[in-house]
Amino acid sequence: MRWAGTDLHRFTDGKIVEWWRNDDFLWLLNELEGTVLAAPSAPSTEA
């Protein structure tokens, strides 16, 4: 299995001062055969 994501680093004076990570969790759920989005339910017609 492969893992997908993005790392962004901001440097000041040669040091990392900020780090952002974005992982592709929808892809991971799909790989694990999970249900990503549930099917929308029909609106109730009961009065």
PDB file of N, CA and C in Angstrom:
ATOM      1  N   MET A   1       0.847  -1.169   0.000  1.00  0.00           N
ATOM      2  CA  MET A   1       0.000   0.000   0.000  1.00  0.00           C
ATOM      3  C   MET A   1       0.897   1.237   0.000  1.00  0.00           C
ATOM      4  N   ARG A   2       0.498   2.224  -0.749  1.00  0.00           N
ATOM      5  CA  ARG A   2       1.213   3.501  -0.763  1.00  0.00           C
ATOM      6  C   ARG A   2       0.413   4.527   0.018  1.00  0.00           C
ATOM      7  N   TRP A   3       1.095   5.539   0.493  1.00  0.00           N
ATOM      8  CA  TRP A   3       0.471   6.623   1.250  1.00  0.00           C
ATOM      9  C   TRP A   3       0.700   7.910   0.492  1.00  0.00           C
ATOM     10  N   ALA A   4      -0.333   8.716   0.336  1.00  0.00           N
ATOM     11  CA  ALA A   4      -0.209   9.976  -0.400  1.00  0.00           C
ATOM     12  C   ALA A   4      -0.478  11.148   0.530  1.00  0.00           C
ATOM     13  N   GLY A   5       0.260  12.212   0.319  1.00  0.00           N
ATOM     14  CA  GLY A   5       0.066  13.409   1.122  1.00  0.00           C
ATOM     15  C   GLY A   5       1.040  14.492   0.694  1.00  0.00           C
ATOM     16  N   THR A   6       0.912  15.644   1.306  1.00  0.00           N
ATOM     17  CA  THR A   6       1.755  16.790   0.978  1.00  0.00           C
ATOM     18  C   THR A   6       2.282  17.392   2.273  1.00  0.00           C
ATOM     19  N   ASP A   7       3.564  17.702   2.298  1.00  0.00           N
ATOM     20  CA  ASP A   7       4.168  18.412   3.423  1.00  0.00           C
ATOM     21  C   ASP A   7       4.659  19.765   2.940  1.00  0.00           C
ATOM     22  N   LEU A   8       4.334  20.808   3.670  1.00  0.00           N
ATOM     23  CA  LEU A   8       4.829  22.157   3.376  1.00  0.00           C
ATOM     24  C   LEU A   8       5.589  22.660   4.591  1.00  0.00           C
ATOM     25  N   HIS A   9       6.771  23.178   4.359  1.00  0.00           N
ATOM     26  CA  HIS A   9       7.608  23.700   5.436  1.00  0.00           C
ATOM     27  C   HIS A   9       7.929  25.162   5.161  1.00  0.00           C
ATOM     28  N   ARG A  10       7.912  25.966   6.206  1.00  0.00           N
ATOM     29  CA  ARG A  10       8.350  27.364   6.099  1.00  0.00           C
ATOM     30  C   ARG A  10       9.591  27.520   6.967  1.00  0.00           C
ATOM     31  N   PHE A  11      10.639  28.058   6.349  1.00  0.00           N
ATOM     32  CA  PHE A  11      11.929  28.202   7.023  1.00  0.00           C
ATOM     33  C   PHE A  11      12.213  29.666   7.341  1.00  0.00           C
ATOM     34  N   THR A  12      12.817  29.906   8.484  1.00  0.00           N
ATOM     35  CA  THR A  12      13.350  31.208   8.868  1.00  0.00           C
ATOM     36  C   THR A  12      14.719  30.966   9.480  1.00  0.00           C
ATOM     37  N   ASP A  13      15.716  31.650   8.964  1.00  0.00           N
ATOM     38  CA  ASP A  13      17.092  31.494   9.445  1.00  0.00           C
ATOM     39  C   ASP A  13      17.546  30.034   9.428  1.00  0.00           C
ATOM     40  N   GLY A  14      17.129  29.288   8.403  1.00  0.00           N
ATOM     41  CA  GLY A  14      17.556  27.905   8.257  1.00  0.00           C
ATOM     42  C   GLY A  14      16.846  26.909   9.150  1.00  0.00           C
ATOM     43  N   LYS A  15      15.820  27.343   9.880  1.00  0.00           N
ATOM     44  CA  LYS A  15      15.082  26.446  10.771  1.00  0.00           C
ATOM     45  C   LYS A  15      13.619  26.372  10.331  1.00  0.00           C
ATOM     46  N   ILE A  16      13.032  25.202  10.516  1.00  0.00           N
ATOM     47  CA  ILE A  16      11.607  25.055  10.221  1.00  0.00           C
ATOM     48  C   ILE A  16      10.823  25.776  11.310  1.00  0.00           C
ATOM     49  N   VAL A  17      10.021  26.759  10.912  1.00  0.00           N
ATOM     50  CA  VAL A  17       9.212  27.504  11.880  1.00  0.00           C
ATOM     51  C   VAL A  17       7.725  27.201  11.716  1.00  0.00           C
ATOM     52  N   GLU A  18       7.389  26.511  10.630  1.00  0.00           N
ATOM     53  CA  GLU A  18       5.993  26.153  10.408  1.00  0.00           C
ATOM     54  C   GLU A  18       5.956  24.911   9.532  1.00  0.00           C
ATOM     55  N   TRP A  19       5.040  23.980   9.853  1.00  0.00           N
ATOM     56  CA  TRP A  19       4.932  22.742   9.098  1.00  0.00           C
ATOM     57  C   TRP A  19       3.464  22.409   8.926  1.00  0.00           C
ATOM     58  N   TRP A  20       3.057  22.200   7.684  1.00  0.00           N
ATOM     59  CA  TRP A  20       1.676  21.828   7.367  1.00  0.00           C
ATOM     60  C   TRP A  20       1.702  20.491   6.649  1.00  0.00           C
ATOM     61  N   ARG A  21       0.798  19.603   7.021  1.00  0.00           N
ATOM     62  CA  ARG A  21       0.703  18.290   6.372  1.00  0.00           C
ATOM     63  C   ARG A  21      -0.737  18.069   5.937  1.00  0.00           C
ATOM     64  N   ASN A  22      -0.894  17.568   4.726  1.00  0.00           N
ATOM     65  CA  ASN A  22      -2.205  17.245   4.187  1.00  0.00           C
ATOM     66  C   ASN A  22      -2.158  15.802   3.697  1.00  0.00           C
ATOM     67  N   ASP A  23      -2.874  14.920   4.375  1.00  0.00           N
ATOM     68  CA  ASP A  23      -2.919  13.513   3.982  1.00  0.00           C
ATOM     69  C   ASP A  23      -4.178  13.254   3.167  1.00  0.00           C
ATOM     70  N   ASP A  24      -4.069  12.341   2.231  1.00  0.00           N
ATOM     71  CA  ASP A  24      -5.191  12.001   1.359  1.00  0.00           C
ATOM     72  C   ASP A  24      -6.006  10.878   2.008  1.00  0.00           C
ATOM     73  N   PHE A  25      -6.862  11.254   2.954  1.00  0.00           N
ATOM     74  CA  PHE A  25      -7.622  10.252   3.697  1.00  0.00           C
ATOM     75  C   PHE A  25      -8.730   9.607   2.868  1.00  0.00           C
ATOM     76  N   LEU A  26      -9.302  10.334   1.896  1.00  0.00           N
ATOM     77  CA  LEU A  26     -10.323   9.722   1.049  1.00  0.00           C
ATOM     78  C   LEU A  26      -9.712   8.591   0.224  1.00  0.00           C
ATOM     79  N   TRP A  27      -8.501   8.808  -0.262  1.00  0.00           N
ATOM     80  CA  TRP A  27      -7.807   7.755  -1.001  1.00  0.00           C
ATOM     81  C   TRP A  27      -7.538   6.564  -0.093  1.00  0.00           C
ATOM     82  N   LEU A  28      -7.099   6.834   1.137  1.00  0.00           N
ATOM     83  CA  LEU A  28      -6.800   5.761   2.079  1.00  0.00           C
ATOM     84  C   LEU A  28      -8.051   4.947   2.403  1.00  0.00           C
ATOM     85  N   LEU A  29      -9.166   5.615   2.634  1.00  0.00           N
ATOM     86  CA  LEU A  29     -10.412   4.884   2.905  1.00  0.00           C
ATOM     87  C   LEU A  29     -10.799   4.013   1.722  1.00  0.00           C
ATOM     88  N   ASN A  30     -10.622   4.546   0.520  1.00  0.00           N
ATOM     89  CA  ASN A  30     -10.931   3.767  -0.673  1.00  0.00           C
ATOM     90  C   ASN A  30     -10.029   2.542  -0.760  1.00  0.00           C
ATOM     91  N   GLU A  31      -8.740   2.693  -0.467  1.00  0.00           N
ATOM     92  CA  GLU A  31      -7.816   1.568  -0.491  1.00  0.00           C
ATOM     93  C   GLU A  31      -8.192   0.511   0.544  1.00  0.00           C
ATOM     94  N   LEU A  32      -8.718   0.945   1.671  1.00  0.00           N
ATOM     95  CA  LEU A  32      -9.116   0.010   2.723  1.00  0.00           C
ATOM     96  C   LEU A  32     -10.536  -0.500   2.524  1.00  0.00           C
ATOM     97  N   GLU A  33     -11.121  -0.158   1.372  1.00  0.00           N
ATOM     98  CA  GLU A  33     -12.468  -0.564   0.994  1.00  0.00           C
ATOM     99  C   GLU A  33     -13.519  -0.041   1.959  1.00  0.00           C
ATOM    100  N   GLY A  34     -13.298   1.138   2.489  1.00  0.00           N
ATOM    101  CA  GLY A  34     -14.278   1.764   3.363  1.00  0.00           C
ATOM    102  C   GLY A  34     -15.286   2.560   2.553  1.00  0.00           C
ATOM    103  N   THR A  35     -16.379   2.880   3.164  1.00  0.00           N
ATOM    104  CA  THR A  35     -17.379   3.709   2.515  1.00  0.00           C
ATOM    105  C   THR A  35     -16.987   5.158   2.726  1.00  0.00           C
ATOM    106  N   VAL A  36     -16.685   5.861   1.650  1.00  0.00           N
ATOM    107  CA  VAL A  36     -16.235   7.243   1.750  1.00  0.00           C
ATOM    108  C   VAL A  36     -17.410   8.156   2.040  1.00  0.00           C
ATOM    109  N   LEU A  37     -18.444   8.041   1.250  1.00  0.00           N
ATOM    110  CA  LEU A  37     -19.632   8.864   1.454  1.00  0.00           C
ATOM    111  C   LEU A  37     -20.857   7.963   1.461  1.00  0.00           C
ATOM    112  N   ALA A  38     -21.721   8.157   2.419  1.00  0.00           N
ATOM    113  CA  ALA A  38     -22.956   7.383   2.470  1.00  0.00           C
ATOM    114  C   ALA A  38     -23.920   7.931   1.423  1.00  0.00           C
ATOM    115  N   ALA A  39     -24.722   7.050   0.870  1.00  0.00           N
ATOM    116  CA  ALA A  39     -25.715   7.473  -0.103  1.00  0.00           C
ATOM    117  C   ALA A  39     -26.742   8.368   0.590  1.00  0.00           C
ATOM    118  N   PRO A  40     -27.154   9.449  -0.086  1.00  0.00           N
ATOM    119  CA  PRO A  40     -28.144  10.336   0.543  1.00  0.00           C
ATOM    120  C   PRO A  40     -29.459   9.616   0.739  1.00  0.00           C
ATOM    121  N   SER A  41     -30.098   9.883   1.848  1.00  0.00           N
ATOM    122  CA  SER A  41     -31.381   9.248   2.119  1.00  0.00           C
ATOM    123  C   SER A  41     -32.491  10.072   1.455  1.00  0.00           C
ATOM    124  N   ALA A  42     -33.536   9.368   1.065  1.00  0.00           N
ATOM    125  CA  ALA A  42     -34.672  10.040   0.440  1.00  0.00           C
ATOM    126  C   ALA A  42     -35.435  10.835   1.493  1.00  0.00           C
ATOM    127  N   PRO A  43     -35.964  11.997   1.121  1.00  0.00           N
ATOM    128  CA  PRO A  43     -36.732  12.776   2.103  1.00  0.00           C
ATOM    129  C   PRO A  43     -38.002  12.020   2.512  1.00  0.00           C
ATOM    130  N   SER A  44     -38.348  12.197   3.746  1.00  0.00           N
ATOM    131  CA  SER A  44     -39.531  11.533   4.289  1.00  0.00           C
ATOM    132  C   SER A  44     -40.789  12.121   3.676  1.00  0.00           C
ATOM    133  N   THR A  45     -41.723  11.241   3.262  1.00  0.00           N
ATOM    134  CA  THR A  45     -42.982  11.708   2.689  1.00  0.00           C
ATOM    135  C   THR A  45     -44.134  11.527   3.664  1.00  0.00           C
ATOM    136  N   GLU A  46     -43.814  11.146   4.907  1.00  0.00           N
ATOM    137  CA  GLU A  46     -44.864  10.957   5.910  1.00  0.00           C
ATOM    138  C   GLU A  46     -45.322  12.316   6.411  1.00  0.00           C
ATOM    139  N   ALA A  47     -46.634  12.413   6.650  1.00  0.00           N
ATOM    140  CA  ALA A  47     -47.201  13.675   7.137  1.00  0.00           C
ATOM    141  C   ALA A  47     -47.377  13.669   8.621  1.00  0.00           C
TER     142      ALA A  47
END
